């Protein structure tokens, strides 16, 4: 069963990026995320849809 909520290290591994790059993307609102009790988390389904969306 896939995890529904991913942490910064998990999303970095999934996207083959460094955690620093993920934090930069969060800071620039380039990736969909939520804050849960002050912690940055990612909803797996939202990330999958985000990845499937073509960019200009």
PDB file of N, CA and C in Angstrom:
ATOM      1  N   UNK A   1       0.839  -1.192   0.000  1.00  0.00           N
ATOM      2  CA  UNK A   1       0.000   0.000   0.000  1.00  0.00           C
ATOM      3  C   UNK A   1       0.874   1.242   0.000  1.00  0.00           C
ATOM      4  N   UNK A   2       0.583   2.154  -0.923  1.00  0.00           N
ATOM      5  CA  UNK A   2       1.349   3.401  -1.011  1.00  0.00           C
ATOM      6  C   UNK A   2       0.982   4.338   0.128  1.00  0.00           C
ATOM      7  N   UNK A   3       1.965   5.078   0.571  1.00  0.00           N
ATOM      8  CA  UNK A   3       1.713   6.095   1.585  1.00  0.00           C
ATOM      9  C   UNK A   3       0.931   7.239   0.949  1.00  0.00           C
ATOM     10  N   UNK A   4      -0.011   7.811   1.684  1.00  0.00           N
ATOM     11  CA  UNK A   4      -0.796   8.926   1.170  1.00  0.00           C
ATOM     12  C   UNK A   4      -0.117  10.265   1.428  1.00  0.00           C
ATOM     13  N   UNK A   5       0.613  10.344   2.526  1.00  0.00           N
ATOM     14  CA  UNK A   5       1.289  11.580   2.910  1.00  0.00           C
ATOM     15  C   UNK A   5       2.793  11.331   2.885  1.00  0.00           C
ATOM     16  N   UNK A   6       3.514  12.217   2.197  1.00  0.00           N
ATOM     17  CA  UNK A   6       4.967  12.066   2.064  1.00  0.00           C
ATOM     18  C   UNK A   6       5.688  13.231   2.743  1.00  0.00           C
ATOM     19  N   UNK A   7       6.847  12.947   3.290  1.00  0.00           N
ATOM     20  CA  UNK A   7       7.695  13.961   3.914  1.00  0.00           C
ATOM     21  C   UNK A   7       8.625  14.580   2.861  1.00  0.00           C
ATOM     22  N   UNK A   8       9.362  15.590   3.257  1.00  0.00           N
ATOM     23  CA  UNK A   8      10.317  16.222   2.340  1.00  0.00           C
ATOM     24  C   UNK A   8      11.354  15.210   1.842  1.00  0.00           C
ATOM     25  N   UNK A   9      11.996  14.427   2.710  1.00  0.00           N
ATOM     26  CA  UNK A   9      12.960  13.441   2.190  1.00  0.00           C
ATOM     27  C   UNK A   9      12.322  12.417   1.247  1.00  0.00           C
ATOM     28  N   UNK A  10      11.097  12.005   1.556  1.00  0.00           N
ATOM     29  CA  UNK A  10      10.412  11.028   0.693  1.00  0.00           C
ATOM     30  C   UNK A  10      10.082  11.616  -0.677  1.00  0.00           C
ATOM     31  N   UNK A  11       9.601  12.852  -0.721  1.00  0.00           N
ATOM     32  CA  UNK A  11       9.267  13.473  -2.007  1.00  0.00           C
ATOM     33  C   UNK A  11      10.541  13.766  -2.792  1.00  0.00           C
ATOM     34  N   UNK A  12      11.613  14.117  -2.092  1.00  0.00           N
ATOM     35  CA  UNK A  12      12.896  14.350  -2.769  1.00  0.00           C
ATOM     36  C   UNK A  12      13.376  13.068  -3.445  1.00  0.00           C
ATOM     37  N   UNK A  13      13.255  11.944  -2.751  1.00  0.00           N
ATOM     38  CA  UNK A  13      13.659  10.665  -3.321  1.00  0.00           C
ATOM     39  C   UNK A  13      12.768  10.305  -4.507  1.00  0.00           C
ATOM     40  N   UNK A  14      11.465  10.505  -4.367  1.00  0.00           N
ATOM     41  CA  UNK A  14      10.514  10.203  -5.435  1.00  0.00           C
ATOM     42  C   UNK A  14      10.815  11.000  -6.702  1.00  0.00           C
ATOM     43  N   UNK A  15      11.163  12.278  -6.528  1.00  0.00           N
ATOM     44  CA  UNK A  15      11.418  13.162  -7.668  1.00  0.00           C
ATOM     45  C   UNK A  15      12.889  13.200  -8.082  1.00  0.00           C
ATOM     46  N   UNK A  16      13.728  12.446  -7.369  1.00  0.00           N
ATOM     47  CA  UNK A  16      15.165  12.420  -7.640  1.00  0.00           C
ATOM     48  C   UNK A  16      15.783  13.824  -7.530  1.00  0.00           C
ATOM     49  N   UNK A  17      15.416  14.505  -6.442  1.00  0.00           N
ATOM     50  CA  UNK A  17      15.921  15.848  -6.154  1.00  0.00           C
ATOM     51  C   UNK A  17      16.544  15.850  -4.763  1.00  0.00           C
ATOM     52  N   UNK A  18      17.309  16.883  -4.472  1.00  0.00           N
ATOM     53  CA  UNK A  18      17.831  17.033  -3.115  1.00  0.00           C
ATOM     54  C   UNK A  18      16.745  17.635  -2.231  1.00  0.00           C
ATOM     55  N   UNK A  19      16.881  17.439  -0.928  1.00  0.00           N
ATOM     56  CA  UNK A  19      15.908  18.044  -0.014  1.00  0.00           C
ATOM     57  C   UNK A  19      15.984  19.561  -0.082  1.00  0.00           C
ATOM     58  N   UNK A  20      17.180  20.098  -0.318  1.00  0.00           N
ATOM     59  CA  UNK A  20      17.336  21.552  -0.438  1.00  0.00           C
ATOM     60  C   UNK A  20      16.530  22.077  -1.625  1.00  0.00           C
ATOM     61  N   UNK A  21      16.525  21.341  -2.730  1.00  0.00           N
ATOM     62  CA  UNK A  21      15.752  21.752  -3.904  1.00  0.00           C
ATOM     63  C   UNK A  21      14.260  21.701  -3.598  1.00  0.00           C
ATOM     64  N   UNK A  22      13.818  20.680  -2.885  1.00  0.00           N
ATOM     65  CA  UNK A  22      12.400  20.580  -2.519  1.00  0.00           C
ATOM     66  C   UNK A  22      12.009  21.765  -1.638  1.00  0.00           C
ATOM     67  N   UNK A  23      12.836  22.092  -0.648  1.00  0.00           N
ATOM     68  CA  UNK A  23      12.533  23.247   0.208  1.00  0.00           C
ATOM     69  C   UNK A  23      12.482  24.540  -0.609  1.00  0.00           C
ATOM     70  N   UNK A  24      13.368  24.683  -1.575  1.00  0.00           N
ATOM     71  CA  UNK A  24      13.361  25.854  -2.449  1.00  0.00           C
ATOM     72  C   UNK A  24      12.070  25.905  -3.268  1.00  0.00           C
ATOM     73  N   UNK A  25      11.641  24.763  -3.786  1.00  0.00           N
ATOM     74  CA  UNK A  25      10.394  24.694  -4.554  1.00  0.00           C
ATOM     75  C   UNK A  25       9.201  25.055  -3.669  1.00  0.00           C
ATOM     76  N   UNK A  26       9.208  24.611  -2.422  1.00  0.00           N
ATOM     77  CA  UNK A  26       8.140  24.960  -1.485  1.00  0.00           C
ATOM     78  C   UNK A  26       8.138  26.470  -1.239  1.00  0.00           C
ATOM     79  N   UNK A  27       9.315  27.019  -0.978  1.00  0.00           N
ATOM     80  CA  UNK A  27       9.429  28.453  -0.706  1.00  0.00           C
ATOM     81  C   UNK A  27       8.916  29.287  -1.880  1.00  0.00           C
ATOM     82  N   UNK A  28       9.140  28.802  -3.108  1.00  0.00           N
ATOM     83  CA  UNK A  28       8.716  29.528  -4.312  1.00  0.00           C
ATOM     84  C   UNK A  28       7.334  29.091  -4.809  1.00  0.00           C
ATOM     85  N   UNK A  29       6.638  28.293  -4.005  1.00  0.00           N
ATOM     86  CA  UNK A  29       5.307  27.780  -4.373  1.00  0.00           C
ATOM     87  C   UNK A  29       5.303  27.094  -5.731  1.00  0.00           C
ATOM     88  N   UNK A  30       6.317  26.310  -6.002  1.00  0.00           N
ATOM     89  CA  UNK A  30       6.440  25.592  -7.272  1.00  0.00           C
ATOM     90  C   UNK A  30       5.927  24.162  -7.168  1.00  0.00           C
ATOM     91  N   UNK A  31       5.596  23.710  -5.972  1.00  0.00           N
ATOM     92  CA  UNK A  31       5.131  22.343  -5.751  1.00  0.00           C
ATOM     93  C   UNK A  31       3.993  22.403  -4.728  1.00  0.00           C
ATOM     94  N   UNK A  32       2.926  21.617  -4.945  1.00  0.00           N
ATOM     95  CA  UNK A  32       1.818  21.642  -3.976  1.00  0.00           C
ATOM     96  C   UNK A  32       2.204  20.949  -2.663  1.00  0.00           C
ATOM     97  N   UNK A  33       1.949  21.640  -1.556  1.00  0.00           N
ATOM     98  CA  UNK A  33       2.287  21.100  -0.243  1.00  0.00           C
ATOM     99  C   UNK A  33       1.296  21.625   0.786  1.00  0.00           C
ATOM    100  N   UNK A  34       1.336  21.043   1.954  1.00  0.00           N
ATOM    101  CA  UNK A  34       0.543  21.502   3.096  1.00  0.00           C
ATOM    102  C   UNK A  34       1.459  21.530   4.304  1.00  0.00           C
ATOM    103  N   UNK A  35       1.052  22.325   5.299  1.00  0.00           N
ATOM    104  CA  UNK A  35       1.758  22.315   6.578  1.00  0.00           C
ATOM    105  C   UNK A  35       0.862  21.615   7.579  1.00  0.00           C
ATOM    106  N   UNK A  36       1.416  20.614   8.219  1.00  0.00           N
ATOM    107  CA  UNK A  36       0.686  19.825   9.204  1.00  0.00           C
ATOM    108  C   UNK A  36       1.446  19.925  10.517  1.00  0.00           C
ATOM    109  N   UNK A  37       0.883  20.686  11.449  1.00  0.00           N
ATOM    110  CA  UNK A  37       1.552  20.935  12.738  1.00  0.00           C
ATOM    111  C   UNK A  37       2.948  21.500  12.531  1.00  0.00           C
ATOM    112  N   UNK A  38       3.072  22.415  11.574  1.00  0.00           N
ATOM    113  CA  UNK A  38       4.340  23.082  11.314  1.00  0.00           C
ATOM    114  C   UNK A  38       5.295  22.305  10.423  1.00  0.00           C
ATOM    115  N   UNK A  39       4.905  21.102  10.017  1.00  0.00           N
ATOM    116  CA  UNK A  39       5.756  20.254   9.186  1.00  0.00           C
ATOM    117  C   UNK A  39       5.250  20.276   7.749  1.00  0.00           C
ATOM    118  N   UNK A  40       6.161  20.396   6.795  1.00  0.00           N
ATOM    119  CA  UNK A  40       5.802  20.393   5.378  1.00  0.00           C
ATOM    120  C   UNK A  40       5.559  18.954   4.947  1.00  0.00           C
ATOM    121  N   UNK A  41       4.377  18.710   4.352  1.00  0.00           N
ATOM    122  CA  UNK A  41       4.030  17.372   3.867  1.00  0.00           C
ATOM    123  C   UNK A  41       3.406  17.492   2.471  1.00  0.00           C
ATOM    124  N   UNK A  42       3.379  16.368   1.787  1.00  0.00           N
ATOM    125  CA  UNK A  42       2.875  16.314   0.424  1.00  0.00           C
ATOM    126  C   UNK A  42       1.854  15.198   0.312  1.00  0.00           C
ATOM    127  N   UNK A  43       0.715  15.489  -0.312  1.00  0.00           N
ATOM    128  CA  UNK A  43      -0.325  14.487  -0.537  1.00  0.00           C
ATOM    129  C   UNK A  43       0.010  13.762  -1.834  1.00  0.00           C
ATOM    130  N   UNK A  44       0.161  12.455  -1.763  1.00  0.00           N
ATOM    131  CA  UNK A  44       0.634  11.662  -2.906  1.00  0.00           C
ATOM    132  C   UNK A  44      -0.240  11.859  -4.156  1.00  0.00           C
ATOM    133  N   UNK A  45      -1.542  11.825  -3.998  1.00  0.00           N
ATOM    134  CA  UNK A  45      -2.450  11.973  -5.142  1.00  0.00           C
ATOM    135  C   UNK A  45      -2.305  13.353  -5.786  1.00  0.00           C
ATOM    136  N   UNK A  46      -2.155  14.384  -4.979  1.00  0.00           N
ATOM    137  CA  UNK A  46      -1.973  15.743  -5.497  1.00  0.00           C
ATOM    138  C   UNK A  46      -0.657  15.845  -6.265  1.00  0.00           C
ATOM    139  N   UNK A  47       0.387  15.238  -5.749  1.00  0.00           N
ATOM    140  CA  UNK A  47       1.688  15.256  -6.430  1.00  0.00           C
ATOM    141  C   UNK A  47       1.600  14.511  -7.754  1.00  0.00           C
ATOM    142  N   UNK A  48       0.911  13.363  -7.775  1.00  0.00           N
ATOM    143  CA  UNK A  48       0.753  12.604  -9.017  1.00  0.00           C
ATOM    144  C   UNK A  48       0.032  13.437 -10.067  1.00  0.00           C
ATOM    145  N   UNK A  49      -1.020  14.142  -9.675  1.00  0.00           N
ATOM    146  CA  UNK A  49      -1.750  15.011 -10.611  1.00  0.00           C
ATOM    147  C   UNK A  49      -0.876  16.164 -11.062  1.00  0.00           C
ATOM    148  N   UNK A  50      -0.117  16.736 -10.148  1.00  0.00           N
ATOM    149  CA  UNK A  50       0.789  17.851 -10.464  1.00  0.00           C
ATOM    150  C   UNK A  50       1.830  17.412 -11.500  1.00  0.00           C
ATOM    151  N   UNK A  51       2.361  16.215 -11.316  1.00  0.00           N
ATOM    152  CA  UNK A  51       3.363  15.689 -12.250  1.00  0.00           C
ATOM    153  C   UNK A  51       2.767  15.411 -13.626  1.00  0.00           C
ATOM    154  N   UNK A  52       1.498  15.029 -13.662  1.00  0.00           N
ATOM    155  CA  UNK A  52       0.831  14.698 -14.928  1.00  0.00           C
ATOM    156  C   UNK A  52       0.383  15.931 -15.698  1.00  0.00           C
ATOM    157  N   UNK A  53       0.360  17.094 -15.037  1.00  0.00           N
ATOM    158  CA  UNK A  53      -0.075  18.327 -15.685  1.00  0.00           C
ATOM    159  C   UNK A  53       1.023  18.874 -16.571  1.00  0.00           C
ATOM    160  N   UNK A  54       0.739  19.063 -17.869  1.00  0.00           N
ATOM    161  CA  UNK A  54       1.773  19.636 -18.750  1.00  0.00           C
ATOM    162  C   UNK A  54       2.062  21.094 -18.406  1.00  0.00           C
ATOM    163  N   UNK A  55       3.302  21.496 -18.570  1.00  0.00           N
ATOM    164  CA  UNK A  55       3.687  22.877 -18.320  1.00  0.00           C
ATOM    165  C   UNK A  55       3.886  23.584 -19.652  1.00  0.00           C
ATOM    166  N   UNK A  56       3.764  24.882 -19.607  1.00  0.00           N
ATOM    167  CA  UNK A  56       3.900  25.670 -20.842  1.00  0.00           C
ATOM    168  C   UNK A  56       5.336  25.807 -21.264  1.00  0.00           C
TER     169      UNK A  56
END
